[in-house]
Amino acid sequence: MTPREVVTRAIEFGRPDRLPVSGFGEAGDVVVVPHAEVKPPQAEGDPLTDQWLCRWGRTDAPNMGQVKGRPLEDLGRMKDFPWPDAADPRRYAGVPRVLGEISADPARRDKYLVTHIFMILWERMHSLHGFENCMIGLMEDSPALHELADRILDFHLGIVRGMHRAAGGRIQGLSFTEDWGTELDVHISPDLWRRFFLPRYKRLFAAIQGCGWHVWMHSCGKINKFIPGLIEAGADVLNLQQPRTNGIDEIGRAFAGRVCFETLCDIQKTLPRGDRREIAAEADRLLRAWATPAGGFILGDYGDHAAIGADPDTKQFMLDAFRRLDPYKKRGARPGGAQ
């Protein structure tokens, strides 16, 4: 099987012939096809201000940073806000060139291609309006907060349409970030989440899948209570990077075979310790609990090893451990989980 077929079969429970890998540089089976960020004039040339006019604070150590300046703390300013334009052709001008380079590269042309959206709805809402403000707006069922959510959603639906025009069937998936959990639980009640967010996710996921693409969602924290709704909305892949926080056995019992997981050894509780016995044991436990004989498991990667306090050798050991334990290469082996 080609790398693209291996990933696709894992997502669709079509019995891949080996464990697929996302990330890890050239060792990975997935390649990202980006679209460009187009900033308004007042943010051009400012690396700390994004296209939404959110101002980012960063430390001396390389990391994503945090939003410190929120341009829509007052939602009364929405009428005059310079909303980004998803139809701006500059966003997609480089896509044909990137696709051409991938097609011409023997090392990449058969890989699974995804495009990506950073902060797709909830994260973008509170980066613009503030976390506390959003929580109050949700409790009050504020019409202005509904408008904010719909404006963000409409923009990202436009990105989906624009990337489909630029790339079409040459891309197989769309991934996005949407952190929903603390170390202990989800941010809001499942009932409120279902009322406010689930219909919007259904609309977004349907648009992505209408392009013939898989839906890949990353979310940190213990989001277990939202997973049934995400499956209902149509998520194909859930990227969970804190499996010990989620509960390895708990997730396996409830969801193995119902959605594909992209995961790795826990980025907070396992990889930073660097204990190789612990890493190998957790890799084995994850495969037994979350993989199924038909698929449903992709080994993921946390690209910034320094940010989680892990060294490159530790990450390489984890990759080697998962490959050594690969249940799809072991004839007659049966990983745990549902059929």
C-alpha atoms as a PDB file:
ATOM      1  CA  MET A   1       0.000   0.000   0.000  1.00  0.00           C
ATOM      2  CA  THR A   2       1.089   3.573  -0.598  1.00  0.00           C
ATOM      3  CA  PRO A   3       1.308   5.900   2.422  1.00  0.00           C
ATOM      4  CA  ARG A   4      -1.946   7.536   1.262  1.00  0.00           C
ATOM      5  CA  GLU A   5      -3.701   4.183   1.162  1.00  0.00           C
ATOM      6  CA  VAL A   6      -2.358   3.200   4.586  1.00  0.00           C
ATOM      7  CA  VAL A   7      -3.676   6.401   6.203  1.00  0.00           C
ATOM      8  CA  THR A   8      -6.998   6.238   4.367  1.00  0.00           C
ATOM      9  CA  ARG A   9      -7.565   2.621   5.351  1.00  0.00           C
ATOM     10  CA  ALA A  10      -6.746   3.378   8.985  1.00  0.00           C
ATOM     11  CA  ILE A  11      -9.282   6.223   9.029  1.00  0.00           C
ATOM     12  CA  GLU A  12     -11.971   4.244   7.226  1.00  0.00           C
ATOM     13  CA  PHE A  13     -11.300   0.964   9.053  1.00  0.00           C
ATOM     14  CA  GLY A  14     -10.232  -0.687   5.836  1.00  0.00           C
ATOM     15  CA  ARG A  15      -7.425  -2.871   7.257  1.00  0.00           C
ATOM     16  CA  PRO A  16      -4.122  -1.066   6.581  1.00  0.00           C
ATOM     17  CA  ASP A  17      -1.090  -3.267   6.125  1.00  0.00           C
ATOM     18  CA  ARG A  18       0.967  -1.294   8.665  1.00  0.00           C
ATOM     19  CA  LEU A  19       0.603   1.431  11.279  1.00  0.00           C
ATOM     20  CA  PRO A  20       0.340   4.896   9.687  1.00  0.00           C
ATOM     21  CA  VAL A  21       2.455   7.772  10.981  1.00  0.00           C
ATOM     22  CA  SER A  22       1.666  11.498  10.997  1.00  0.00           C
ATOM     23  CA  GLY A  23       4.579  13.846  11.565  1.00  0.00           C
ATOM     24  CA  PHE A  24       8.173  12.723  12.289  1.00  0.00           C
ATOM     25  CA  GLY A  25       9.524  14.471   9.205  1.00  0.00           C
ATOM     26  CA  GLU A  26      10.332  12.246   6.248  1.00  0.00           C
ATOM     27  CA  ALA A  27       9.272   9.164   8.231  1.00  0.00           C
ATOM     28  CA  GLY A  28       5.663  10.321   8.211  1.00  0.00           C
ATOM     29  CA  ASP A  29       2.876   9.402   5.808  1.00  0.00           C
ATOM     30  CA  VAL A  30       1.128  12.802   5.899  1.00  0.00           C
ATOM     31  CA  VAL A  31       2.056  16.054   4.139  1.00  0.00           C
ATOM     32  CA  VAL A  32       0.466  19.435   4.893  1.00  0.00           C
ATOM     33  CA  VAL A  33      -0.615  21.704   2.017  1.00  0.00           C
ATOM     34  CA  PRO A  34      -0.918  25.205   3.490  1.00  0.00           C
ATOM     35  CA  HIS A  35      -2.938  28.212   2.496  1.00  0.00           C
ATOM     36  CA  ALA A  36      -1.642  31.694   3.252  1.00  0.00           C
ATOM     37  CA  GLU A  37      -2.687  34.058   6.010  1.00  0.00           C
ATOM     38  CA  VAL A  38      -3.679  37.464   4.653  1.00  0.00           C
ATOM     39  CA  LYS A  39      -3.430  40.226   7.243  1.00  0.00           C
ATOM     40  CA  PRO A  40      -5.208  43.579   7.143  1.00  0.00           C
ATOM     41  CA  PRO A  41      -2.962  46.586   6.465  1.00  0.00           C
ATOM     42  CA  GLN A  42      -2.677  47.509  10.155  1.00  0.00           C
ATOM     43  CA  ALA A  43      -1.140  44.109  10.948  1.00  0.00           C
ATOM     44  CA  GLU A  44       1.200  43.726   7.986  1.00  0.00           C
ATOM     45  CA  GLY A  45       4.816  43.398   9.035  1.00  0.00           C
ATOM     46  CA  ASP A  46       3.886  42.651  12.649  1.00  0.00           C
ATOM     47  CA  PRO A  47       4.772  39.021  13.453  1.00  0.00           C
ATOM     48  CA  LEU A  48       2.931  39.199  16.798  1.00  0.00           C
ATOM     49  CA  THR A  49      -0.439  40.184  15.297  1.00  0.00           C
ATOM     50  CA  ASP A  50      -2.442  37.662  13.268  1.00  0.00           C
ATOM     51  CA  GLN A  51      -5.000  38.124  10.511  1.00  0.00           C
ATOM     52  CA  TRP A  52      -7.766  38.520  13.116  1.00  0.00           C
ATOM     53  CA  LEU A  53      -5.826  41.347  14.837  1.00  0.00           C
ATOM     54  CA  CYS A  54      -5.210  39.143  17.874  1.00  0.00           C
ATOM     55  CA  ARG A  55      -1.942  40.139  19.514  1.00  0.00           C
ATOM     56  CA  TRP A  56       0.254  37.256  20.657  1.00  0.00           C
ATOM     57  CA  GLY A  57       2.672  37.149  23.549  1.00  0.00           C
ATOM     58  CA  ARG A  58       5.619  34.775  23.457  1.00  0.00           C
ATOM     59  CA  THR A  59       8.483  33.824  25.739  1.00  0.00           C
ATOM     60  CA  ASP A  60      12.146  33.577  24.810  1.00  0.00           C
ATOM     61  CA  ALA A  61      11.726  29.814  24.358  1.00  0.00           C
ATOM     62  CA  PRO A  62      10.211  28.866  20.985  1.00  0.00           C
ATOM     63  CA  ASN A  63       6.508  28.123  21.400  1.00  0.00           C
ATOM     64  CA  MET A  64       3.078  29.008  20.055  1.00  0.00           C
ATOM     65  CA  GLY A  65       2.523  31.665  22.704  1.00  0.00           C
ATOM     66  CA  GLN A  66      -0.766  33.048  24.008  1.00  0.00           C
ATOM     67  CA  VAL A  67      -3.176  35.706  22.850  1.00  0.00           C
ATOM     68  CA  LYS A  68      -2.677  38.808  24.999  1.00  0.00           C
ATOM     69  CA  GLY A  69      -4.505  41.416  22.911  1.00  0.00           C
ATOM     70  CA  ARG A  70      -8.152  40.599  22.098  1.00  0.00           C
ATOM     71  CA  PRO A  71      -9.596  42.969  19.499  1.00  0.00           C
ATOM     72  CA  LEU A  72     -13.260  42.163  20.144  1.00  0.00           C
ATOM     73  CA  GLU A  73     -13.575  42.252  23.898  1.00  0.00           C
ATOM     74  CA  ASP A  74     -16.477  44.582  23.107  1.00  0.00           C
ATOM     75  CA  LEU A  75     -18.698  42.772  20.604  1.00  0.00           C
ATOM     76  CA  GLY A  76     -20.337  46.072  19.817  1.00  0.00           C
ATOM     77  CA  ARG A  77     -17.286  46.678  17.593  1.00  0.00           C
ATOM     78  CA  MET A  78     -18.142  43.780  15.263  1.00  0.00           C
ATOM     79  CA  LYS A  79     -19.924  46.039  12.771  1.00  0.00           C
ATOM     80  CA  ASP A  80     -16.726  47.948  11.993  1.00  0.00           C
ATOM     81  CA  PHE A  81     -14.261  45.104  12.512  1.00  0.00           C
ATOM     82  CA  PRO A  82     -11.984  44.279   9.532  1.00  0.00           C
ATOM     83  CA  TRP A  83     -13.075  40.643   9.172  1.00  0.00           C
ATOM     84  CA  PRO A  84     -10.620  38.524   7.173  1.00  0.00           C
ATOM     85  CA  ASP A  85     -11.751  37.628   3.670  1.00  0.00           C
ATOM     86  CA  ALA A  86     -11.714  33.915   2.862  1.00  0.00           C
ATOM     87  CA  ALA A  87     -12.204  34.656  -0.840  1.00  0.00           C
ATOM     88  CA  ASP A  88      -8.996  36.682  -1.155  1.00  0.00           C
ATOM     89  CA  PRO A  89      -7.104  34.900  -3.973  1.00  0.00           C
ATOM     90  CA  ARG A  90      -3.765  35.578  -2.288  1.00  0.00           C
ATOM     91  CA  ARG A  91      -4.613  32.852   0.216  1.00  0.00           C
ATOM     92  CA  TYR A  92      -4.552  30.146  -2.437  1.00  0.00           C
ATOM     93  CA  ALA A  93      -2.062  31.502  -4.973  1.00  0.00           C
ATOM     94  CA  GLY A  94       0.729  29.213  -3.774  1.00  0.00           C
ATOM     95  CA  VAL A  95      -1.328  26.019  -3.571  1.00  0.00           C
ATOM     96  CA  PRO A  96      -0.824  24.842  -7.189  1.00  0.00           C
ATOM     97  CA  ARG A  97       2.926  25.310  -6.861  1.00  0.00           C
ATOM     98  CA  VAL A  98       3.055  23.303  -3.614  1.00  0.00           C
ATOM     99  CA  LEU A  99       0.943  20.523  -5.112  1.00  0.00           C
ATOM    100  CA  GLY A 100       3.192  20.469  -8.177  1.00  0.00           C
ATOM    101  CA  GLU A 101       6.303  20.166  -6.018  1.00  0.00           C
ATOM    102  CA  ILE A 102       4.747  17.292  -4.086  1.00  0.00           C
ATOM    103  CA  SER A 103       3.737  15.503  -7.286  1.00  0.00           C
ATOM    104  CA  ALA A 104       7.267  15.829  -8.647  1.00  0.00           C
ATOM    105  CA  ASP A 105       8.877  14.504  -5.464  1.00  0.00           C
ATOM    106  CA  PRO A 106       9.092  10.685  -5.341  1.00  0.00           C
ATOM    107  CA  ALA A 107       9.381  10.820  -1.543  1.00  0.00           C
ATOM    108  CA  ARG A 108       6.092  12.734  -1.121  1.00  0.00           C
ATOM    109  CA  ARG A 109       3.841  12.211  -4.113  1.00  0.00           C
ATOM    110  CA  ASP A 110       2.125   9.115  -2.723  1.00  0.00           C
ATOM    111  CA  LYS A 111       1.555  10.513   0.754  1.00  0.00           C
ATOM    112  CA  TYR A 112      -1.725  11.562   2.321  1.00  0.00           C
ATOM    113  CA  LEU A 113      -2.281  15.317   1.912  1.00  0.00           C
ATOM    114  CA  VAL A 114      -4.058  17.559   4.416  1.00  0.00           C
ATOM    115  CA  THR A 115      -4.658  21.266   4.700  1.00  0.00           C
ATOM    116  CA  HIS A 116      -4.976  22.930   8.084  1.00  0.00           C
ATOM    117  CA  ILE A 117      -6.952  25.575   9.974  1.00  0.00           C
ATOM    118  CA  PHE A 118      -5.647  27.006  13.239  1.00  0.00           C
ATOM    119  CA  MET A 119      -8.295  27.819  15.899  1.00  0.00           C
ATOM    120  CA  ILE A 120     -11.450  26.920  14.029  1.00  0.00           C
ATOM    121  CA  LEU A 121     -14.334  28.068  16.274  1.00  0.00           C
ATOM    122  CA  TRP A 122     -14.264  28.029  20.102  1.00  0.00           C
ATOM    123  CA  GLU A 123     -10.557  28.833  20.272  1.00  0.00           C
ATOM    124  CA  ARG A 124     -10.984  31.700  17.830  1.00  0.00           C
ATOM    125  CA  MET A 125     -14.041  32.977  19.701  1.00  0.00           C
ATOM    126  CA  HIS A 126     -12.193  33.369  22.993  1.00  0.00           C
ATOM    127  CA  SER A 127      -8.996  34.612  21.322  1.00  0.00           C
ATOM    128  CA  LEU A 128     -11.072  37.480  19.887  1.00  0.00           C
ATOM    129  CA  HIS A 129     -13.482  38.120  22.769  1.00  0.00           C
ATOM    130  CA  GLY A 130     -11.751  36.694  25.848  1.00  0.00           C
ATOM    131  CA  PHE A 131     -12.381  33.398  27.629  1.00  0.00           C
ATOM    132  CA  GLU A 132     -14.334  34.832  30.554  1.00  0.00           C
ATOM    133  CA  ASN A 133     -16.402  37.049  28.255  1.00  0.00           C
ATOM    134  CA  CYS A 134     -17.271  34.046  26.082  1.00  0.00           C
ATOM    135  CA  MET A 135     -18.267  31.967  29.092  1.00  0.00           C
ATOM    136  CA  ILE A 136     -20.608  34.718  30.298  1.00  0.00           C
ATOM    137  CA  GLY A 137     -22.029  35.122  26.793  1.00  0.00           C
ATOM    138  CA  LEU A 138     -22.716  31.406  26.563  1.00  0.00           C
ATOM    139  CA  MET A 139     -24.538  31.385  29.895  1.00  0.00           C
ATOM    140  CA  GLU A 140     -26.607  34.402  28.841  1.00  0.00           C
ATOM    141  CA  ASP A 141     -27.188  32.988  25.353  1.00  0.00           C
ATOM    142  CA  SER A 142     -26.022  36.321  23.981  1.00  0.00           C
ATOM    143  CA  PRO A 143     -27.167  37.085  20.396  1.00  0.00           C
ATOM    144  CA  ALA A 144     -23.859  38.886  19.860  1.00  0.00           C
ATOM    145  CA  LEU A 145     -21.922  35.739  20.778  1.00  0.00           C
ATOM    146  CA  HIS A 146     -24.003  33.755  18.280  1.00  0.00           C
ATOM    147  CA  GLU A 147     -23.094  36.351  15.651  1.00  0.00           C
ATOM    148  CA  LEU A 148     -19.406  36.077  16.520  1.00  0.00           C
ATOM    149  CA  ALA A 149     -19.522  32.282  16.223  1.00  0.00           C
ATOM    150  CA  ASP A 150     -21.332  32.444  12.889  1.00  0.00           C
ATOM    151  CA  ARG A 151     -18.930  34.998  11.427  1.00  0.00           C
ATOM    152  CA  ILE A 152     -15.976  32.773  12.366  1.00  0.00           C
ATOM    153  CA  LEU A 153     -17.725  29.690  11.028  1.00  0.00           C
ATOM    154  CA  ASP A 154     -18.625  31.414   7.754  1.00  0.00           C
ATOM    155  CA  PHE A 155     -15.006  32.472   7.287  1.00  0.00           C
ATOM    156  CA  HIS A 156     -13.747  28.929   7.734  1.00  0.00           C
ATOM    157  CA  LEU A 157     -16.434  27.534   5.452  1.00  0.00           C
ATOM    158  CA  GLY A 158     -15.033  29.985   2.925  1.00  0.00           C
ATOM    159  CA  ILE A 159     -11.542  28.597   3.489  1.00  0.00           C
ATOM    160  CA  VAL A 160     -12.887  25.093   2.841  1.00  0.00           C
ATOM    161  CA  ARG A 161     -14.467  26.268  -0.421  1.00  0.00           C
ATOM    162  CA  GLY A 162     -11.336  28.179  -1.449  1.00  0.00           C
ATOM    163  CA  MET A 163      -9.013  25.260  -0.800  1.00  0.00           C
ATOM    164  CA  HIS A 164     -11.353  22.924  -2.639  1.00  0.00           C
ATOM    165  CA  ARG A 165     -11.253  25.194  -5.691  1.00  0.00           C
ATOM    166  CA  ALA A 166      -7.459  25.355  -5.458  1.00  0.00           C
ATOM    167  CA  ALA A 167      -6.744  21.702  -4.682  1.00  0.00           C
ATOM    168  CA  GLY A 168      -9.914  19.631  -5.056  1.00  0.00           C
ATOM    169  CA  GLY A 169      -9.385  15.887  -4.863  1.00  0.00           C
ATOM    170  CA  ARG A 170      -5.622  16.221  -4.624  1.00  0.00           C
ATOM    171  CA  ILE A 171      -6.106  16.738  -0.877  1.00  0.00           C
ATOM    172  CA  GLN A 172      -7.521  13.983   1.309  1.00  0.00           C
ATOM    173  CA  GLY A 173      -8.159  15.719   4.639  1.00  0.00           C
ATOM    174  CA  LEU A 174      -8.550  18.931   6.595  1.00  0.00           C
ATOM    175  CA  SER A 175      -7.131  19.183  10.116  1.00  0.00           C
ATOM    176  CA  PHE A 176      -7.854  21.863  12.681  1.00  0.00           C
ATOM    177  CA  THR A 177      -7.239  22.804  16.312  1.00  0.00           C
ATOM    178  CA  GLU A 178      -9.990  23.234  18.888  1.00  0.00           C
ATOM    179  CA  ASP A 179      -8.877  22.744  22.503  1.00  0.00           C
ATOM    180  CA  TRP A 180     -11.903  21.908  24.644  1.00  0.00           C
ATOM    181  CA  GLY A 181     -10.564  20.389  27.850  1.00  0.00           C
ATOM    182  CA  THR A 182      -8.781  21.089  31.090  1.00  0.00           C
ATOM    183  CA  GLU A 183      -6.809  18.382  32.856  1.00  0.00           C
ATOM    184  CA  LEU A 184     -10.034  17.332  34.621  1.00  0.00           C
ATOM    185  CA  ASP A 185     -13.010  17.994  32.351  1.00  0.00           C
ATOM    186  CA  VAL A 186     -14.516  19.928  29.456  1.00  0.00           C
ATOM    187  CA  HIS A 187     -14.909  23.714  29.548  1.00  0.00           C
ATOM    188  CA  ILE A 188     -18.722  23.787  29.469  1.00  0.00           C
ATOM    189  CA  SER A 189     -21.570  21.371  30.063  1.00  0.00           C
ATOM    190  CA  PRO A 190     -22.337  18.806  27.351  1.00  0.00           C
ATOM    191  CA  ASP A 191     -25.904  20.149  27.118  1.00  0.00           C
ATOM    192  CA  LEU A 192     -24.713  23.701  26.424  1.00  0.00           C
ATOM    193  CA  TRP A 193     -22.080  22.402  24.008  1.00  0.00           C
ATOM    194  CA  ARG A 194     -24.737  20.460  22.109  1.00  0.00           C
ATOM    195  CA  ARG A 195     -27.046  23.473  21.876  1.00  0.00           C
ATOM    196  CA  PHE A 196     -24.463  26.035  20.824  1.00  0.00           C
ATOM    197  CA  PHE A 197     -21.613  24.195  19.123  1.00  0.00           C
ATOM    198  CA  LEU A 198     -22.824  20.861  17.787  1.00  0.00           C
ATOM    199  CA  PRO A 199     -25.031  22.311  15.002  1.00  0.00           C
ATOM    200  CA  ARG A 200     -22.148  24.479  13.869  1.00  0.00           C
ATOM    201  CA  TYR A 201     -19.713  21.559  13.862  1.00  0.00           C
ATOM    202  CA  LYS A 202     -22.189  19.495  11.867  1.00  0.00           C
ATOM    203  CA  ARG A 203     -22.354  22.235   9.257  1.00  0.00           C
ATOM    204  CA  LEU A 204     -18.571  22.545   9.110  1.00  0.00           C
ATOM    205  CA  PHE A 205     -17.864  18.816   9.018  1.00  0.00           C
ATOM    206  CA  ALA A 206     -20.480  18.285   6.299  1.00  0.00           C
ATOM    207  CA  ALA A 207     -18.792  20.947   4.163  1.00  0.00           C
ATOM    208  CA  ILE A 208     -15.369  19.341   4.625  1.00  0.00           C
ATOM    209  CA  GLN A 209     -16.651  15.875   3.824  1.00  0.00           C
ATOM    210  CA  GLY A 210     -18.604  17.298   0.889  1.00  0.00           C
ATOM    211  CA  CYS A 211     -15.194  18.062  -0.623  1.00  0.00           C
ATOM    212  CA  GLY A 212     -14.302  14.380  -0.306  1.00  0.00           C
ATOM    213  CA  TRP A 213     -11.985  15.076   2.637  1.00  0.00           C
ATOM    214  CA  HIS A 214     -11.640  13.530   6.080  1.00  0.00           C
ATOM    215  CA  VAL A 215     -12.189  15.677   9.187  1.00  0.00           C
ATOM    216  CA  TRP A 216      -9.167  15.684  11.545  1.00  0.00           C
ATOM    217  CA  MET A 217      -9.742  17.436  14.877  1.00  0.00           C
ATOM    218  CA  HIS A 218      -7.103  18.175  17.522  1.00  0.00           C
ATOM    219  CA  SER A 219      -8.261  18.886  21.065  1.00  0.00           C
ATOM    220  CA  CYS A 220      -6.207  18.943  24.249  1.00  0.00           C
ATOM    221  CA  GLY A 221      -7.473  18.015  27.689  1.00  0.00           C
ATOM    222  CA  LYS A 222     -10.052  15.584  28.988  1.00  0.00           C
ATOM    223  CA  ILE A 223     -12.702  16.014  26.284  1.00  0.00           C
ATOM    224  CA  ASN A 224     -14.286  12.582  26.811  1.00  0.00           C
ATOM    225  CA  LYS A 225     -17.799  13.966  27.350  1.00  0.00           C
ATOM    226  CA  PHE A 226     -17.735  15.660  23.943  1.00  0.00           C
ATOM    227  CA  ILE A 227     -16.477  12.696  21.924  1.00  0.00           C
ATOM    228  CA  PRO A 228     -19.956  11.190  21.326  1.00  0.00           C
ATOM    229  CA  GLY A 229     -21.103  14.526  19.896  1.00  0.00           C
ATOM    230  CA  LEU A 230     -18.006  14.856  17.725  1.00  0.00           C
ATOM    231  CA  ILE A 231     -18.622  11.375  16.330  1.00  0.00           C
ATOM    232  CA  GLU A 232     -22.257  12.342  15.730  1.00  0.00           C
ATOM    233  CA  ALA A 233     -21.097  15.491  13.920  1.00  0.00           C
ATOM    234  CA  GLY A 234     -18.944  13.341  11.629  1.00  0.00           C
ATOM    235  CA  ALA A 235     -15.361  13.625  12.911  1.00  0.00           C
ATOM    236  CA  ASP A 236     -13.152  11.061  11.181  1.00  0.00           C
ATOM    237  CA  VAL A 237      -9.941  11.498  13.205  1.00  0.00           C
ATOM    238  CA  LEU A 238      -9.501  12.770  16.761  1.00  0.00           C
ATOM    239  CA  ASN A 239      -6.011  13.945  17.647  1.00  0.00           C
ATOM    240  CA  LEU A 240      -5.590  13.384  21.395  1.00  0.00           C
ATOM    241  CA  GLN A 241      -2.113  14.058  22.739  1.00  0.00           C
ATOM    242  CA  GLN A 242      -2.780  13.462  26.448  1.00  0.00           C
ATOM    243  CA  PRO A 243      -4.076   9.878  26.462  1.00  0.00           C
ATOM    244  CA  ARG A 244      -3.365   9.383  30.156  1.00  0.00           C
ATOM    245  CA  THR A 245      -5.468  12.445  30.931  1.00  0.00           C
ATOM    246  CA  ASN A 246      -8.269  11.068  28.757  1.00  0.00           C
ATOM    247  CA  GLY A 247      -7.880   7.621  30.302  1.00  0.00           C
ATOM    248  CA  ILE A 248      -6.417   5.020  27.965  1.00  0.00           C
ATOM    249  CA  ASP A 249      -8.712   2.181  28.998  1.00  0.00           C
ATOM    250  CA  GLU A 250     -11.741   4.457  29.359  1.00  0.00           C
ATOM    251  CA  ILE A 251     -11.386   5.806  25.814  1.00  0.00           C
ATOM    252  CA  GLY A 252     -10.731   2.356  24.407  1.00  0.00           C
ATOM    253  CA  ARG A 253     -13.815   0.814  25.988  1.00  0.00           C
ATOM    254  CA  ALA A 254     -16.097   3.629  24.872  1.00  0.00           C
ATOM    255  CA  PHE A 255     -14.821   4.629  21.443  1.00  0.00           C
ATOM    256  CA  ALA A 256     -12.389   2.154  19.836  1.00  0.00           C
ATOM    257  CA  GLY A 257     -13.807   1.290  16.437  1.00  0.00           C
ATOM    258  CA  ARG A 258     -16.141   4.297  16.360  1.00  0.00           C
ATOM    259  CA  VAL A 259     -13.598   6.924  15.295  1.00  0.00           C
ATOM    260  CA  CYS A 260      -9.944   6.911  14.258  1.00  0.00           C
ATOM    261  CA  PHE A 261      -7.466   8.199  16.836  1.00  0.00           C
ATOM    262  CA  GLU A 262      -4.251  10.052  16.098  1.00  0.00           C
ATOM    263  CA  THR A 263      -2.230   9.829  19.281  1.00  0.00           C
ATOM    264  CA  LEU A 264       1.142   9.181  20.874  1.00  0.00           C
ATOM    265  CA  CYS A 265       2.591   8.644  24.329  1.00  0.00           C
ATOM    266  CA  ASP A 266       1.338  11.330  26.672  1.00  0.00           C
ATOM    267  CA  ILE A 267       3.065  14.677  25.988  1.00  0.00           C
ATOM    268  CA  GLN A 268       2.825  15.800  29.635  1.00  0.00           C
ATOM    269  CA  LYS A 269       3.058  12.677  31.743  1.00  0.00           C
ATOM    270  CA  THR A 270       5.221  10.277  29.732  1.00  0.00           C
ATOM    271  CA  LEU A 271       7.455  11.754  27.029  1.00  0.00           C
ATOM    272  CA  PRO A 272       9.052  14.481  29.210  1.00  0.00           C
ATOM    273  CA  ARG A 273      10.189  11.815  31.707  1.00  0.00           C
ATOM    274  CA  GLY A 274      12.075   9.984  28.981  1.00  0.00           C
ATOM    275  CA  ASP A 275      11.682   6.608  30.709  1.00  0.00           C
ATOM    276  CA  ARG A 276      12.026   4.135  27.854  1.00  0.00           C
ATOM    277  CA  ARG A 277      10.347   1.246  29.624  1.00  0.00           C
ATOM    278  CA  GLU A 278       7.392   3.506  30.397  1.00  0.00           C
ATOM    279  CA  ILE A 279       7.220   4.726  26.792  1.00  0.00           C
ATOM    280  CA  ALA A 280       7.293   1.202  25.366  1.00  0.00           C
ATOM    281  CA  ALA A 281       4.655   0.013  27.841  1.00  0.00           C
ATOM    282  CA  GLU A 282       2.370   2.946  27.044  1.00  0.00           C
ATOM    283  CA  ALA A 283       2.762   2.416  23.296  1.00  0.00           C
ATOM    284  CA  ASP A 284       1.699  -1.204  23.742  1.00  0.00           C
ATOM    285  CA  ARG A 285      -1.232  -0.219  25.963  1.00  0.00           C
ATOM    286  CA  LEU A 286      -2.457   2.402  23.488  1.00  0.00           C
ATOM    287  CA  LEU A 287      -2.364   0.010  20.560  1.00  0.00           C
ATOM    288  CA  ARG A 288      -4.207  -2.658  22.519  1.00  0.00           C
ATOM    289  CA  ALA A 289      -6.878  -0.265  23.777  1.00  0.00           C
ATOM    290  CA  TRP A 290      -7.467   2.152  20.867  1.00  0.00           C
ATOM    291  CA  ALA A 291      -6.571   0.242  17.694  1.00  0.00           C
ATOM    292  CA  THR A 292      -8.834  -2.359  16.119  1.00  0.00           C
ATOM    293  CA  PRO A 293      -8.046  -5.149  13.658  1.00  0.00           C
ATOM    294  CA  ALA A 294      -9.577  -2.996  10.918  1.00  0.00           C
ATOM    295  CA  GLY A 295      -7.674   0.188  11.758  1.00  0.00           C
ATOM    296  CA  GLY A 296      -8.571   3.293  13.709  1.00  0.00           C
ATOM    297  CA  PHE A 297      -5.082   4.287  14.917  1.00  0.00           C
ATOM    298  CA  ILE A 298      -2.513   6.754  13.563  1.00  0.00           C
ATOM    299  CA  LEU A 299       0.722   7.444  15.426  1.00  0.00           C
ATOM    300  CA  GLY A 300       0.933  11.208  15.860  1.00  0.00           C
ATOM    301  CA  ASP A 301       3.778  13.568  16.623  1.00  0.00           C
ATOM    302  CA  TYR A 302       4.182  16.621  18.833  1.00  0.00           C
ATOM    303  CA  GLY A 303       6.429  18.589  16.534  1.00  0.00           C
ATOM    304  CA  ASP A 304       8.053  20.854  19.123  1.00  0.00           C
ATOM    305  CA  HIS A 305       9.977  18.500  21.404  1.00  0.00           C
ATOM    306  CA  ALA A 306      11.521  21.369  23.383  1.00  0.00           C
ATOM    307  CA  ALA A 307       8.098  22.779  24.292  1.00  0.00           C
ATOM    308  CA  ILE A 308       7.165  19.562  26.110  1.00  0.00           C
ATOM    309  CA  GLY A 309      10.588  18.938  27.605  1.00  0.00           C
ATOM    310  CA  ALA A 310      11.374  15.864  25.529  1.00  0.00           C
ATOM    311  CA  ASP A 311      14.539  15.329  23.545  1.00  0.00           C
ATOM    312  CA  PRO A 312      14.676  14.088  19.925  1.00  0.00           C
ATOM    313  CA  ASP A 313      16.110  10.727  20.978  1.00  0.00           C
ATOM    314  CA  THR A 314      13.039  10.111  23.140  1.00  0.00           C
ATOM    315  CA  LYS A 315      10.724  10.826  20.241  1.00  0.00           C
ATOM    316  CA  GLN A 316      12.739   8.542  17.982  1.00  0.00           C
ATOM    317  CA  PHE A 317      12.584   5.775  20.589  1.00  0.00           C
ATOM    318  CA  MET A 318       8.793   6.165  20.757  1.00  0.00           C
ATOM    319  CA  LEU A 319       8.502   5.960  16.960  1.00  0.00           C
ATOM    320  CA  ASP A 320      10.652   2.829  16.925  1.00  0.00           C
ATOM    321  CA  ALA A 321       8.611   1.301  19.764  1.00  0.00           C
ATOM    322  CA  PHE A 322       5.305   1.798  17.960  1.00  0.00           C
ATOM    323  CA  ARG A 323       6.767   0.371  14.768  1.00  0.00           C
ATOM    324  CA  ARG A 324       8.137  -2.637  16.630  1.00  0.00           C
ATOM    325  CA  LEU A 325       4.696  -3.224  18.176  1.00  0.00           C
ATOM    326  CA  ASP A 326       2.836  -2.566  14.908  1.00  0.00           C
ATOM    327  CA  PRO A 327      -0.161  -4.927  15.098  1.00  0.00           C
ATOM    328  CA  TYR A 328      -0.872  -4.724  11.371  1.00  0.00           C
ATOM    329  CA  LYS A 329       2.529  -6.096  10.427  1.00  0.00           C
ATOM    330  CA  LYS A 330       2.204  -8.986  12.846  1.00  0.00           C
ATOM    331  CA  ARG A 331       0.329 -11.655  10.966  1.00  0.00           C
ATOM    332  CA  GLY A 332      -2.387 -13.109  13.137  1.00  0.00           C
ATOM    333  CA  ALA A 333      -2.036 -10.428  15.827  1.00  0.00           C
ATOM    334  CA  ARG A 334      -5.281  -8.902  16.971  1.00  0.00           C
ATOM    335  CA  PRO A 335      -5.145  -5.439  18.530  1.00  0.00           C
ATOM    336  CA  GLY A 336      -7.743  -4.745  21.216  1.00  0.00           C
ATOM    337  CA  GLY A 337     -10.934  -2.810  20.641  1.00  0.00           C
ATOM    338  CA  ALA A 338     -13.996  -3.298  18.497  1.00  0.00           C
ATOM    339  CA  GLN A 339     -14.053  -4.836  15.069  1.00  0.00           C
END
